[in-house]
Amino acid sequence: MSARTMLSAAVMAHPRRSVAVARLRQQLPGLNVALDPRPDGPPTSVRSAAIAWGAVAPDATHHLVLEDDALPCTDLLDGCTALARRFPAAAVALFVNDSARTAAVARMAVWSGRDVAPVIDIYVPTQGLILPAETARGLAAFLSAHDDLAEAGDIATLRYLCAEGIAVLVAVPNLVDHDDLSSIIGNDDHGRRGSACYLGHRSDAGTCRQLELPELIPYLSESTTRSILTSTPAADRSFRGRTADLLAVRPLPNDLARRSEAAGLPPAVPGRPVYELWVTAVASGMLLTGGGHCGPDEVRRHAATPAGRAAAASMAPGGLGRSVPRSLLANEAGLLTDIVLHGVTVGADAGVTRRWPTASDLLSTVAPQRREAAAPR
């Protein structure tokens, strides 16, 4: 690893976002602006991204690119330099959407005292991304040649990084959040795209530890409002199934259920949003202790930190935003966060006596059940 770490930075921008770009440049003096050369062309981030990634300073060891609707933390550049120094050969994302599968991994990293997690989605979050300088130059050339525009920029970026053998990580807490501006590329139907864990400043509790990716993770699917157990790239076999069908999870405690219904939230019964939120939280705690990542006391300690609470607070808006009115989620954010935090600690206690399953474990259990159900009666 080089003794020095030099960071250059740019923002990929659209002319319609001039006010947001001016704000970023005021916060980050010297930030290069990479404007979309054809702003009236087909909507895509690829054109401005290619220019931004090509704006690497000659003496830089690493390059940071922000999107023009990024909300950086107060000490962003210090945080980015520290990350580049710790993970000099990796791509490090500074943001992950609260509804992404990677968000589930990021939350578990926070609750186990880790501050970096693997990216597991089919795209890399490009709201803020750090690359080694030579990788940045190579990505710029790749995107410049990527002229069919049929593939989203974040997907194309991950494809390039994977082809080059670059590890792709996300820092938690996130160093960047997403401003709620109208989407240039037509993503307004995705709803609010907030961070999975954002404090507004860089955490001083860096552990220099990366979460080891489990074979299976629970996540709350925004599209179905169901808690799902899904395999990750760490698994040899693919698996996906409803968490409630696969794990024994006790019901939401009566006091929380009563508070939830009194607040006007849907009843906390199986298949309904609050119950699925609870199941996801409990399963997350079970994974942390049953998977050997940490003990229940550690989970409690890390969940009680500002970062732990921020991670919990993002689960409901990330997974329930299409089934529960956003205004209700905002009004009852404190209650929903309490439900998640209690679920994580309940799961952590339960996981002590239960080994977290692998994809093969569940496939060997589920397949005979399905064959039996399909057999003639």
Protein backbone atom coordinates (compact mmCIF):
# COMPACT_ATOMS: atom_id res chain seq x y z
CA MET A 1 0.00 0.00 0.00
CA SER A 2 1.28 3.46 -0.88
CA ALA A 3 2.38 5.61 2.08
CA ARG A 4 0.35 8.51 0.70
CA THR A 5 -3.31 8.63 -0.24
CA MET A 6 -4.32 11.47 -2.55
CA LEU A 7 -7.98 11.95 -3.43
CA SER A 8 -9.47 13.86 -6.34
CA ALA A 9 -13.21 14.39 -6.74
CA ALA A 10 -15.87 15.19 -9.31
CA VAL A 11 -19.64 15.40 -9.57
CA MET A 12 -21.62 13.97 -12.48
CA ALA A 13 -24.23 16.60 -13.25
CA HIS A 14 -27.17 17.63 -15.41
CA PRO A 15 -27.72 21.33 -16.24
CA ARG A 16 -31.17 21.17 -14.60
CA ARG A 17 -29.42 20.50 -11.28
CA SER A 18 -27.31 23.69 -11.26
CA VAL A 19 -28.54 24.77 -7.80
CA ALA A 20 -27.66 21.40 -6.28
CA VAL A 21 -24.24 21.45 -7.95
CA ALA A 22 -23.54 24.94 -6.61
CA ARG A 23 -24.36 23.70 -3.12
CA LEU A 24 -21.96 20.77 -3.51
CA ARG A 25 -19.17 23.01 -4.76
CA GLN A 26 -19.66 25.35 -1.82
CA GLN A 27 -19.30 22.42 0.57
CA LEU A 28 -16.46 20.79 -1.39
CA PRO A 29 -14.26 23.51 -2.94
CA GLY A 30 -12.32 22.32 -5.96
CA LEU A 31 -14.93 19.74 -6.92
CA ASN A 32 -14.78 19.14 -10.68
CA VAL A 33 -18.14 19.35 -12.48
CA ALA A 34 -18.81 16.83 -15.25
CA LEU A 35 -21.86 18.07 -17.17
CA ASP A 36 -23.92 15.80 -19.37
CA PRO A 37 -22.75 16.74 -22.88
CA ARG A 38 -26.15 15.89 -24.36
CA PRO A 39 -28.69 16.87 -21.70
CA ASP A 40 -31.53 16.68 -24.20
CA GLY A 41 -30.57 13.16 -25.28
CA PRO A 42 -32.02 9.89 -23.96
CA PRO A 43 -32.12 10.04 -20.12
CA THR A 44 -29.03 8.33 -18.71
CA SER A 45 -26.28 8.95 -16.18
CA VAL A 46 -23.66 7.23 -18.36
CA ARG A 47 -22.60 10.30 -20.36
CA SER A 48 -21.77 12.51 -17.36
CA ALA A 49 -20.38 9.56 -15.40
CA ALA A 50 -17.82 8.85 -18.13
CA ILE A 51 -16.57 12.44 -17.92
CA ALA A 52 -16.56 12.45 -14.11
CA TRP A 53 -14.56 9.24 -13.84
CA GLY A 54 -12.08 10.58 -16.39
CA ALA A 55 -11.41 13.69 -14.27
CA VAL A 56 -8.80 11.95 -12.11
CA ALA A 57 -6.05 14.32 -10.96
CA PRO A 58 -2.57 13.32 -12.24
CA ASP A 59 -1.21 12.81 -8.71
CA ALA A 60 -4.31 11.14 -7.25
CA THR A 61 -4.21 7.60 -5.90
CA HIS A 62 -8.03 7.50 -5.65
CA HIS A 63 -10.98 9.29 -7.21
CA LEU A 64 -14.37 10.14 -5.74
CA VAL A 65 -17.45 10.74 -7.89
CA LEU A 66 -20.70 12.09 -6.50
CA GLU A 67 -24.09 12.34 -8.18
CA ASP A 68 -25.55 15.84 -8.31
CA ASP A 69 -28.32 15.02 -5.83
CA ALA A 70 -25.90 13.73 -3.19
CA LEU A 71 -26.04 15.08 0.37
CA PRO A 72 -22.49 14.66 1.75
CA CYS A 73 -21.72 14.40 5.44
CA THR A 74 -19.87 17.27 7.05
CA ASP A 75 -16.41 15.67 6.96
CA LEU A 76 -16.80 13.77 3.69
CA LEU A 77 -13.29 14.14 2.28
CA ASP A 78 -11.58 13.08 5.51
CA GLY A 79 -13.84 10.02 5.61
CA CYS A 80 -13.16 9.17 1.97
CA THR A 81 -9.41 9.48 2.43
CA ALA A 82 -9.56 7.17 5.45
CA LEU A 83 -11.58 4.60 3.49
CA ALA A 84 -9.20 4.76 0.53
CA ARG A 85 -6.27 4.24 2.87
CA ARG A 86 -7.91 1.21 4.54
CA PHE A 87 -9.22 -0.40 1.33
CA PRO A 88 -6.80 0.83 -1.34
CA ALA A 89 -7.71 -1.72 -4.03
CA ALA A 90 -11.50 -1.76 -3.52
CA ALA A 91 -14.46 0.18 -4.82
CA VAL A 92 -16.15 1.77 -1.81
CA ALA A 93 -19.71 3.07 -2.09
CA LEU A 94 -20.71 5.83 0.31
CA PHE A 95 -24.46 5.22 0.09
CA VAL A 96 -26.94 2.41 -0.15
CA ASN A 97 -30.67 2.82 -0.74
CA ASP A 98 -32.76 1.80 2.27
CA SER A 99 -34.82 -0.67 0.19
CA ALA A 100 -31.88 -2.49 -1.40
CA ARG A 101 -30.75 -6.00 -0.46
CA THR A 102 -27.35 -4.47 0.28
CA ALA A 103 -29.13 -2.28 2.85
CA ALA A 104 -30.01 -5.43 4.81
CA VAL A 105 -26.34 -6.42 4.87
CA ALA A 106 -25.30 -2.87 5.82
CA ARG A 107 -27.70 -2.81 8.79
CA MET A 108 -26.33 -6.10 10.06
CA ALA A 109 -22.81 -4.72 9.73
CA VAL A 110 -23.78 -1.77 11.96
CA TRP A 111 -25.50 -3.98 14.54
CA SER A 112 -22.43 -6.22 14.76
CA GLY A 113 -19.89 -3.41 15.04
CA ARG A 114 -18.56 -3.56 11.49
CA ASP A 115 -18.27 -0.46 9.33
CA VAL A 116 -17.91 -1.97 5.85
CA ALA A 117 -20.12 -4.51 4.10
CA PRO A 118 -20.14 -6.20 0.67
CA VAL A 119 -22.45 -4.90 -2.05
CA ILE A 120 -24.75 -7.73 -3.19
CA ASP A 121 -27.24 -6.10 -5.56
CA ILE A 122 -27.02 -6.21 -9.37
CA TYR A 123 -25.79 -2.62 -9.36
CA VAL A 124 -23.29 -0.56 -7.40
CA PRO A 125 -24.69 2.50 -5.61
CA THR A 126 -23.19 5.46 -7.49
CA GLN A 127 -24.57 8.26 -5.28
CA GLY A 128 -21.02 8.48 -3.98
CA LEU A 129 -18.26 6.06 -4.99
CA ILE A 130 -14.49 5.90 -4.45
CA LEU A 131 -12.26 4.00 -6.89
CA PRO A 132 -8.50 3.51 -7.22
CA ALA A 133 -7.25 6.04 -9.78
CA GLU A 134 -6.38 3.53 -12.49
CA THR A 135 -9.72 1.77 -12.05
CA ALA A 136 -11.47 5.13 -12.39
CA ARG A 137 -9.66 5.86 -15.66
CA GLY A 138 -10.53 2.40 -16.96
CA LEU A 139 -14.19 2.86 -16.01
CA ALA A 140 -14.25 6.22 -17.81
CA ALA A 141 -13.02 4.56 -21.00
CA PHE A 142 -15.51 1.72 -20.61
CA LEU A 143 -18.47 4.05 -20.11
CA SER A 144 -17.38 6.27 -23.00
CA ALA A 145 -17.54 3.23 -25.26
CA HIS A 146 -20.85 2.17 -23.73
CA ASP A 147 -22.91 4.14 -26.22
CA ASP A 148 -26.04 2.01 -26.58
CA LEU A 149 -27.40 3.49 -23.30
CA ALA A 150 -29.60 0.41 -22.84
CA GLU A 151 -27.97 -0.43 -19.52
CA ALA A 152 -28.27 1.78 -16.44
CA GLY A 153 -25.04 3.43 -15.37
CA ASP A 154 -24.96 1.78 -11.94
CA ILE A 155 -25.39 -1.67 -13.51
CA ALA A 156 -22.75 -0.98 -16.17
CA THR A 157 -20.36 0.23 -13.47
CA LEU A 158 -20.74 -2.96 -11.44
CA ARG A 159 -20.29 -5.06 -14.58
CA TYR A 160 -16.98 -3.33 -15.26
CA LEU A 161 -15.74 -3.64 -11.67
CA CYS A 162 -16.61 -7.34 -11.54
CA ALA A 163 -14.84 -7.96 -14.85
CA GLU A 164 -11.74 -6.26 -13.42
CA GLY A 165 -11.90 -8.30 -10.20
CA ILE A 166 -12.46 -5.26 -7.99
CA ALA A 167 -14.11 -5.90 -4.60
CA VAL A 168 -17.18 -3.69 -4.15
CA LEU A 169 -17.96 -2.53 -0.59
CA VAL A 170 -20.24 -0.03 1.12
CA ALA A 171 -19.25 2.11 4.10
CA VAL A 172 -21.62 2.23 7.07
CA PRO A 173 -22.75 4.57 8.38
CA ASN A 174 -23.12 6.03 4.89
CA LEU A 175 -21.15 9.20 4.20
CA VAL A 176 -23.72 10.40 1.67
CA ASP A 177 -27.50 10.63 1.60
CA HIS A 178 -29.85 11.12 -1.36
CA ASP A 179 -31.65 14.44 -1.86
CA ASP A 180 -35.32 14.04 -2.71
CA LEU A 181 -35.18 15.75 -6.12
CA SER A 182 -37.17 14.83 -9.22
CA SER A 183 -35.32 12.07 -11.08
CA ILE A 184 -33.55 13.02 -14.31
CA ILE A 185 -33.59 9.43 -15.58
CA GLY A 186 -37.18 8.55 -14.72
CA ASN A 187 -36.84 6.89 -11.31
CA ASP A 188 -39.54 8.90 -9.55
CA ASP A 189 -41.75 5.80 -9.41
CA HIS A 190 -39.14 4.20 -7.11
CA GLY A 191 -40.34 6.44 -4.29
CA ARG A 192 -38.07 8.01 -1.72
CA ARG A 193 -34.52 6.72 -2.02
CA GLY A 194 -32.97 7.46 1.37
CA SER A 195 -29.88 6.04 3.02
CA ALA A 196 -29.93 2.81 4.99
CA CYS A 197 -27.85 4.47 7.73
CA TYR A 198 -26.86 8.14 7.65
CA LEU A 199 -25.74 10.33 10.54
CA GLY A 200 -24.74 13.52 8.73
CA HIS A 201 -21.17 13.15 9.90
CA ARG A 202 -18.46 10.52 9.72
CA SER A 203 -18.56 7.97 12.52
CA ASP A 204 -15.54 8.01 14.83
CA ALA A 205 -16.21 4.41 15.83
CA GLY A 206 -14.43 2.81 12.88
CA THR A 207 -13.61 -0.81 13.57
CA CYS A 208 -11.60 -1.50 10.43
CA ARG A 209 -13.71 -4.65 10.16
CA GLN A 210 -15.76 -5.90 7.25
CA LEU A 211 -18.89 -8.02 7.70
CA GLU A 212 -18.34 -11.55 6.44
CA LEU A 213 -21.12 -12.15 3.95
CA PRO A 214 -23.59 -14.87 5.06
CA GLU A 215 -25.05 -17.33 2.57
CA LEU A 216 -28.58 -16.23 3.45
CA ILE A 217 -29.93 -12.87 4.56
CA PRO A 218 -33.41 -11.69 5.55
CA TYR A 219 -34.66 -8.54 3.88
CA LEU A 220 -37.98 -6.72 3.68
CA SER A 221 -39.06 -6.68 0.04
CA GLU A 222 -40.51 -3.29 -0.89
CA SER A 223 -42.30 -4.71 -3.94
CA THR A 224 -44.15 -7.46 -2.01
CA THR A 225 -44.08 -6.18 1.60
CA ARG A 226 -42.86 -9.61 2.65
CA SER A 227 -39.85 -10.65 4.68
CA ILE A 228 -37.70 -12.77 2.37
CA LEU A 229 -34.78 -15.11 3.05
CA THR A 230 -32.57 -14.94 0.00
CA SER A 231 -29.21 -16.38 -0.92
CA THR A 232 -26.21 -14.10 -1.47
CA PRO A 233 -23.14 -14.46 -3.71
CA ALA A 234 -21.53 -16.37 -0.80
CA ALA A 235 -23.91 -19.31 -1.34
CA ASP A 236 -23.20 -22.20 -3.70
CA ARG A 237 -26.92 -22.65 -4.40
CA SER A 238 -29.67 -20.14 -5.06
CA PHE A 239 -32.55 -19.87 -2.60
CA ARG A 240 -35.49 -17.54 -1.95
CA GLY A 241 -38.42 -18.06 0.40
CA ARG A 242 -40.65 -16.28 2.89
CA THR A 243 -38.96 -15.82 6.26
CA ALA A 244 -42.17 -16.52 8.18
CA ASP A 245 -42.47 -19.94 6.50
CA LEU A 246 -38.89 -20.94 7.26
CA LEU A 247 -38.05 -19.61 10.72
CA ALA A 248 -39.96 -19.90 13.99
CA VAL A 249 -40.51 -16.28 15.03
CA ARG A 250 -42.63 -15.43 18.03
CA PRO A 251 -45.38 -12.81 17.57
CA LEU A 252 -44.89 -9.10 18.10
CA PRO A 253 -45.20 -8.38 21.87
CA ASN A 254 -48.68 -7.28 22.90
CA ASP A 255 -47.62 -3.81 24.06
CA LEU A 256 -45.96 -3.01 20.72
CA ALA A 257 -48.88 -4.51 18.81
CA ARG A 258 -51.35 -2.35 20.75
CA ARG A 259 -49.25 0.80 20.22
CA SER A 260 -49.00 0.00 16.52
CA GLU A 261 -52.75 -0.41 16.04
CA ALA A 262 -53.50 2.67 18.16
CA ALA A 263 -51.26 4.67 15.84
CA GLY A 264 -53.34 3.62 12.84
CA LEU A 265 -50.81 1.18 11.43
CA PRO A 266 -52.05 -2.08 9.86
CA PRO A 267 -52.72 -4.93 12.35
CA ALA A 268 -49.51 -6.78 13.32
CA VAL A 269 -50.68 -10.15 12.00
CA PRO A 270 -48.90 -12.54 9.59
CA GLY A 271 -48.71 -11.23 6.06
CA ARG A 272 -49.35 -7.61 7.05
CA PRO A 273 -46.67 -4.89 6.90
CA VAL A 274 -45.84 -4.40 10.61
CA TYR A 275 -45.58 -8.15 11.20
CA GLU A 276 -43.25 -8.57 8.20
CA LEU A 277 -41.11 -5.72 9.55
CA TRP A 278 -40.93 -7.51 12.92
CA VAL A 279 -40.03 -10.85 11.34
CA THR A 280 -37.23 -9.25 9.32
CA ALA A 281 -35.79 -7.61 12.42
CA VAL A 282 -35.93 -10.83 14.49
CA ALA A 283 -34.33 -12.83 11.68
CA SER A 284 -31.56 -10.23 11.39
CA GLY A 285 -30.72 -10.66 15.06
CA MET A 286 -30.82 -14.44 14.72
CA LEU A 287 -28.37 -14.26 11.83
CA LEU A 288 -25.87 -12.15 13.78
CA THR A 289 -25.60 -14.53 16.74
CA GLY A 290 -26.59 -17.82 15.10
CA GLY A 291 -24.21 -17.09 12.24
CA GLY A 292 -21.32 -16.43 14.61
CA HIS A 293 -20.84 -12.75 13.80
CA CYS A 294 -21.16 -11.55 17.39
CA GLY A 295 -22.86 -12.22 20.72
CA PRO A 296 -26.19 -10.86 21.96
CA ASP A 297 -24.58 -8.32 24.29
CA GLU A 298 -22.60 -6.91 21.37
CA VAL A 299 -25.79 -6.65 19.31
CA ARG A 300 -27.49 -4.73 22.11
CA ARG A 301 -24.54 -2.39 22.49
CA HIS A 302 -24.22 -1.60 18.78
CA ALA A 303 -27.97 -1.35 18.20
CA ALA A 304 -28.17 1.28 20.95
CA THR A 305 -25.68 3.61 19.24
CA PRO A 306 -26.81 6.49 17.00
CA ALA A 307 -25.72 4.43 13.98
CA GLY A 308 -27.61 1.38 15.22
CA ARG A 309 -30.77 3.39 15.68
CA ALA A 310 -30.37 5.07 12.27
CA ALA A 311 -30.05 1.65 10.64
CA ALA A 312 -33.20 0.48 12.41
CA ALA A 313 -35.09 3.65 11.49
CA SER A 314 -34.51 3.08 7.76
CA MET A 315 -36.02 -0.43 7.62
CA ALA A 316 -39.70 0.60 7.64
CA PRO A 317 -39.44 3.36 5.01
CA GLY A 318 -37.27 1.08 2.89
CA GLY A 319 -39.59 -1.93 2.98
CA LEU A 320 -43.08 -0.55 3.67
CA GLY A 321 -43.10 2.57 1.51
CA ARG A 322 -45.41 1.08 -1.11
CA SER A 323 -47.90 -0.45 1.32
CA VAL A 324 -48.15 2.13 4.11
CA PRO A 325 -48.60 5.88 3.46
CA ARG A 326 -45.30 7.74 3.68
CA SER A 327 -46.87 10.31 5.99
CA LEU A 328 -47.88 7.58 8.45
CA LEU A 329 -44.40 6.03 8.32
CA ALA A 330 -42.91 9.45 9.09
CA ASN A 331 -45.34 10.19 11.91
CA GLU A 332 -44.73 6.80 13.56
CA ALA A 333 -41.01 6.58 12.84
CA GLY A 334 -40.14 6.33 16.54
CA LEU A 335 -42.52 3.45 17.16
CA LEU A 336 -41.43 1.56 14.05
CA THR A 337 -37.78 2.02 15.02
CA ASP A 338 -38.54 0.62 18.50
CA ILE A 339 -40.20 -2.41 16.89
CA VAL A 340 -37.13 -3.08 14.76
CA LEU A 341 -34.66 -2.63 17.62
CA HIS A 342 -36.65 -4.88 19.92
CA GLY A 343 -36.91 -7.49 17.17
CA VAL A 344 -33.16 -7.45 16.57
CA THR A 345 -32.40 -8.04 20.25
CA VAL A 346 -35.06 -10.77 20.57
CA GLY A 347 -33.56 -12.47 17.52
CA ALA A 348 -30.04 -12.11 18.87
CA ASP A 349 -31.05 -13.94 22.06
CA ALA A 350 -32.82 -16.66 20.07
CA GLY A 351 -29.89 -17.11 17.71
CA VAL A 352 -27.58 -18.18 20.51
CA THR A 353 -29.22 -21.62 20.52
CA ARG A 354 -29.89 -21.87 16.77
CA ARG A 355 -27.29 -22.23 14.04
CA TRP A 356 -28.10 -19.89 11.17
CA PRO A 357 -29.06 -22.05 8.15
CA THR A 358 -27.29 -22.22 4.81
CA ALA A 359 -29.01 -22.22 1.44
CA SER A 360 -28.36 -25.96 1.17
CA ASP A 361 -29.97 -26.54 4.59
CA LEU A 362 -33.18 -24.85 3.52
CA LEU A 363 -33.23 -26.43 0.07
CA SER A 364 -32.93 -29.89 1.62
CA THR A 365 -35.81 -29.07 3.99
CA VAL A 366 -38.13 -27.30 1.58
CA ALA A 367 -37.78 -29.64 -1.41
CA PRO A 368 -39.26 -32.73 0.35
CA GLN A 369 -42.11 -30.58 1.70
CA ARG A 370 -42.92 -29.37 -1.79
CA ARG A 371 -42.79 -32.89 -3.19
CA GLU A 372 -45.10 -34.10 -0.44
CA ALA A 373 -47.53 -31.24 -1.07
CA ALA A 374 -47.58 -32.03 -4.80
CA ALA A 375 -48.11 -35.77 -4.32
CA PRO A 376 -51.55 -37.21 -5.26
CA ARG A 377 -53.93 -37.61 -2.34
